[in-house]
Amino acid sequence: MIPILMVSFAAAGFVLAWHPTLLQDIFDKILQNVSDPTLAAR
């Protein structure tokens, strides 16, 4: 189970590294859902 998770996270990292707009979209969605203003500050 653990090796499958490790490979999955590595694959997701490579996908996000090659698609920076997708990574930025994910960051934007996270920041929209954070309720604490100190955590949401850029």
Protein backbone atom coordinates (compact mmCIF):
# COMPACT_ATOMS: atom_id res chain seq x y z
CA MET A 1 0.00 0.00 0.00
CA ILE A 2 2.74 2.48 0.96
CA PRO A 3 4.78 1.99 -2.25
CA ILE A 4 1.66 2.62 -4.34
CA LEU A 5 1.04 5.89 -2.47
CA MET A 6 4.67 6.93 -2.95
CA VAL A 7 4.52 6.30 -6.70
CA SER A 8 1.18 8.12 -6.92
CA PHE A 9 2.57 11.22 -5.18
CA ALA A 10 5.67 11.14 -7.37
CA ALA A 11 3.55 10.90 -10.53
CA ALA A 12 1.35 13.77 -9.35
CA GLY A 13 4.47 15.83 -8.69
CA PHE A 14 5.76 15.26 -12.22
CA VAL A 15 2.38 16.14 -13.73
CA LEU A 16 2.17 19.35 -11.71
CA ALA A 17 5.77 20.23 -12.55
CA TRP A 18 5.00 20.02 -16.27
CA HIS A 19 1.69 21.93 -15.97
CA PRO A 20 2.30 25.07 -13.87
CA THR A 21 -1.14 26.49 -14.71
CA LEU A 22 -2.77 23.43 -13.16
CA LEU A 23 -0.62 23.90 -10.06
CA GLN A 24 -1.62 27.57 -9.86
CA ASP A 25 -5.30 26.63 -10.21
CA ILE A 26 -4.94 24.21 -7.29
CA PHE A 27 -3.24 26.90 -5.17
CA ASP A 28 -5.98 29.38 -6.02
CA LYS A 29 -8.73 26.96 -5.02
CA ILE A 30 -6.98 26.19 -1.73
CA LEU A 31 -6.56 29.90 -0.97
CA GLN A 32 -10.25 30.54 -1.73
CA ASN A 33 -11.26 27.92 0.83
CA VAL A 34 -8.92 28.99 3.63
CA SER A 35 -10.85 30.98 6.21
CA ASP A 36 -7.86 32.26 8.25
CA PRO A 37 -6.62 35.52 6.67
CA THR A 38 -3.06 35.03 7.93
CA LEU A 39 -2.82 31.67 6.17
CA ALA A 40 -4.41 32.97 2.99
CA ALA A 41 -2.05 35.96 2.68
CA ARG A 42 0.36 35.68 -0.22
